[in-house]
N, C-alpha and C. Protein backbone atom coordinates (compact mmCIF):
# COMPACT_ATOMS: atom_id res chain seq x y z
N MET A 1 25.85 -22.81 8.85
CA MET A 1 24.74 -22.55 7.96
C MET A 1 23.44 -22.41 8.74
N SER A 2 23.26 -23.13 9.83
CA SER A 2 22.00 -23.05 10.57
C SER A 2 21.86 -21.71 11.28
N TRP A 3 22.98 -21.10 11.71
CA TRP A 3 22.90 -19.78 12.34
C TRP A 3 22.41 -18.75 11.32
N GLN A 4 22.94 -18.82 10.12
CA GLN A 4 22.51 -17.91 9.06
C GLN A 4 21.03 -18.15 8.73
N HIS A 5 20.63 -19.38 8.68
CA HIS A 5 19.23 -19.72 8.40
C HIS A 5 18.34 -19.16 9.51
N HIS A 6 18.74 -19.33 10.75
CA HIS A 6 17.98 -18.82 11.88
C HIS A 6 17.87 -17.29 11.82
N THR A 7 18.98 -16.63 11.52
CA THR A 7 19.00 -15.17 11.43
C THR A 7 18.09 -14.68 10.31
N LEU A 8 18.16 -15.31 9.16
CA LEU A 8 17.32 -14.93 8.03
C LEU A 8 15.84 -15.20 8.31
N ALA A 9 15.54 -16.30 8.97
CA ALA A 9 14.16 -16.62 9.32
C ALA A 9 13.59 -15.58 10.29
N ALA A 10 14.40 -15.16 11.24
CA ALA A 10 13.96 -14.13 12.18
C ALA A 10 13.73 -12.81 11.46
N ARG A 11 14.59 -12.47 10.53
CA ARG A 11 14.43 -11.23 9.75
C ARG A 11 13.16 -11.28 8.90
N ILE A 12 12.89 -12.43 8.31
CA ILE A 12 11.68 -12.62 7.51
C ILE A 12 10.44 -12.43 8.37
N ARG A 13 10.45 -13.00 9.57
CA ARG A 13 9.30 -12.85 10.48
C ARG A 13 9.10 -11.38 10.85
N ALA A 14 10.19 -10.68 11.11
CA ALA A 14 10.10 -9.26 11.46
C ALA A 14 9.55 -8.45 10.28
N LEU A 15 10.02 -8.74 9.09
CA LEU A 15 9.54 -8.02 7.90
C LEU A 15 8.07 -8.33 7.61
N GLU A 16 7.67 -9.57 7.84
CA GLU A 16 6.26 -9.93 7.63
C GLU A 16 5.36 -9.21 8.63
N ALA A 17 5.82 -9.09 9.87
CA ALA A 17 5.05 -8.36 10.88
C ALA A 17 4.95 -6.89 10.51
N GLU A 18 6.06 -6.31 10.05
CA GLU A 18 6.05 -4.91 9.63
C GLU A 18 5.13 -4.71 8.43
N GLN A 19 5.13 -5.67 7.52
CA GLN A 19 4.26 -5.59 6.35
C GLN A 19 2.79 -5.60 6.76
N GLN A 20 2.44 -6.41 7.74
CA GLN A 20 1.06 -6.45 8.23
C GLN A 20 0.65 -5.11 8.83
N VAL A 21 1.55 -4.50 9.60
CA VAL A 21 1.27 -3.20 10.19
C VAL A 21 1.05 -2.16 9.10
N LEU A 22 1.93 -2.16 8.10
CA LEU A 22 1.81 -1.20 7.01
C LEU A 22 0.56 -1.43 6.17
N GLN A 23 0.18 -2.68 5.97
CA GLN A 23 -1.05 -2.97 5.22
C GLN A 23 -2.27 -2.49 5.99
N ALA A 24 -2.27 -2.66 7.30
CA ALA A 24 -3.38 -2.18 8.12
C ALA A 24 -3.45 -0.65 8.07
N GLU A 25 -2.29 0.02 8.13
CA GLU A 25 -2.26 1.47 8.04
C GLU A 25 -2.76 1.94 6.67
N ARG A 26 -2.36 1.26 5.63
CA ARG A 26 -2.82 1.61 4.28
C ARG A 26 -4.34 1.47 4.18
N GLU A 27 -4.85 0.39 4.72
CA GLU A 27 -6.30 0.15 4.71
C GLU A 27 -7.02 1.27 5.46
N ARG A 28 -6.49 1.64 6.60
CA ARG A 28 -7.11 2.69 7.40
C ARG A 28 -7.06 4.04 6.69
N LEU A 29 -5.92 4.34 6.06
CA LEU A 29 -5.79 5.59 5.32
C LEU A 29 -6.72 5.63 4.11
N THR A 30 -6.99 4.48 3.55
CA THR A 30 -7.84 4.39 2.36
C THR A 30 -9.32 4.50 2.69
N HIS A 31 -9.72 3.96 3.86
CA HIS A 31 -11.15 3.83 4.14
C HIS A 31 -11.67 4.58 5.36
N ASP A 32 -10.81 5.05 6.23
CA ASP A 32 -11.27 5.69 7.48
C ASP A 32 -11.05 7.20 7.40
N THR A 33 -12.07 7.91 6.93
CA THR A 33 -11.93 9.36 6.75
C THR A 33 -11.75 10.10 8.07
N THR A 34 -12.33 9.60 9.14
CA THR A 34 -12.17 10.25 10.44
C THR A 34 -10.71 10.16 10.89
N TYR A 35 -10.09 9.02 10.68
CA TYR A 35 -8.68 8.84 11.02
C TYR A 35 -7.80 9.79 10.21
N VAL A 36 -8.06 9.87 8.90
CA VAL A 36 -7.28 10.75 8.03
C VAL A 36 -7.45 12.21 8.46
N GLU A 37 -8.68 12.60 8.76
CA GLU A 37 -8.93 13.98 9.22
C GLU A 37 -8.15 14.27 10.49
N GLY A 38 -8.14 13.33 11.42
CA GLY A 38 -7.40 13.51 12.66
C GLY A 38 -5.91 13.65 12.41
N LEU A 39 -5.37 12.87 11.49
CA LEU A 39 -3.95 12.99 11.16
C LEU A 39 -3.64 14.36 10.57
N VAL A 40 -4.48 14.81 9.65
CA VAL A 40 -4.25 16.11 9.02
C VAL A 40 -4.34 17.22 10.06
N ARG A 41 -5.35 17.14 10.91
CA ARG A 41 -5.54 18.18 11.91
C ARG A 41 -4.35 18.24 12.88
N SER A 42 -3.90 17.09 13.34
CA SER A 42 -2.81 17.08 14.32
C SER A 42 -1.46 17.37 13.69
N THR A 43 -1.24 16.91 12.49
CA THR A 43 0.05 17.10 11.84
C THR A 43 0.23 18.53 11.35
N PHE A 44 -0.80 19.06 10.71
CA PHE A 44 -0.68 20.38 10.08
C PHE A 44 -1.41 21.48 10.85
N LYS A 45 -1.95 21.14 12.02
CA LYS A 45 -2.65 22.12 12.86
C LYS A 45 -3.76 22.83 12.08
N VAL A 46 -4.57 22.03 11.40
CA VAL A 46 -5.65 22.55 10.56
C VAL A 46 -6.93 22.61 11.38
N ALA A 47 -7.67 23.69 11.23
CA ALA A 47 -8.96 23.85 11.91
C ALA A 47 -10.05 24.04 10.86
N LYS A 48 -11.25 23.64 11.21
CA LYS A 48 -12.39 23.88 10.34
C LYS A 48 -12.76 25.36 10.44
N PRO A 49 -13.40 25.89 9.41
CA PRO A 49 -13.84 27.29 9.48
C PRO A 49 -14.70 27.53 10.73
N GLY A 50 -14.36 28.58 11.47
CA GLY A 50 -15.11 28.92 12.67
C GLY A 50 -14.61 28.24 13.93
N GLU A 51 -13.71 27.27 13.82
CA GLU A 51 -13.17 26.60 15.00
C GLU A 51 -12.07 27.45 15.62
N LEU A 52 -11.98 27.37 16.93
CA LEU A 52 -10.92 28.04 17.66
C LEU A 52 -9.96 26.96 18.16
N VAL A 53 -8.70 27.09 17.82
CA VAL A 53 -7.69 26.11 18.23
C VAL A 53 -6.99 26.66 19.47
N VAL A 54 -7.01 25.88 20.53
CA VAL A 54 -6.37 26.27 21.78
C VAL A 54 -5.21 25.30 22.03
N PRO A 55 -3.97 25.79 21.94
CA PRO A 55 -2.83 24.90 22.19
C PRO A 55 -2.77 24.49 23.66
N LEU A 56 -2.66 23.21 23.89
CA LEU A 56 -2.62 22.70 25.26
C LEU A 56 -1.21 22.32 25.69
N ASP A 57 -0.31 22.22 24.76
CA ASP A 57 1.06 21.84 25.03
C ASP A 57 1.84 23.09 25.46
N ALA A 58 2.35 23.12 26.67
CA ALA A 58 3.06 24.29 27.20
C ALA A 58 4.28 24.65 26.37
N GLU A 59 4.98 23.64 25.86
CA GLU A 59 6.17 23.89 25.06
C GLU A 59 5.82 24.62 23.76
N ARG A 60 4.73 24.23 23.15
CA ARG A 60 4.32 24.85 21.88
C ARG A 60 3.73 26.23 22.10
N SER A 61 3.13 26.46 23.26
CA SER A 61 2.49 27.76 23.51
C SER A 61 3.50 28.79 24.01
N GLY A 62 4.74 28.37 24.24
CA GLY A 62 5.78 29.30 24.66
C GLY A 62 5.87 29.45 26.16
N LYS A 63 5.06 28.72 26.91
CA LYS A 63 5.09 28.78 28.38
C LYS A 63 5.85 27.58 28.90
N SER A 64 6.56 27.75 29.96
CA SER A 64 7.22 26.63 30.61
C SER A 64 6.92 26.66 32.09
N HIS A 65 6.93 25.50 32.69
CA HIS A 65 6.61 25.39 34.13
C HIS A 65 7.86 25.18 34.91
């Protein structure tokens, strides 16, 4: 029984740590507009009107070294 208790306690600690990370991410997504803008720009390759996007990743630009 103590092995099971130890295993469950470790799982609870891991889930609590994950919950803290997710709560911090939720808080940031809710209140940090600069962070959200950066996520949108990097994820969806969005540019502001008049901006020029220059791909720096060789794999994405079709060039290889």
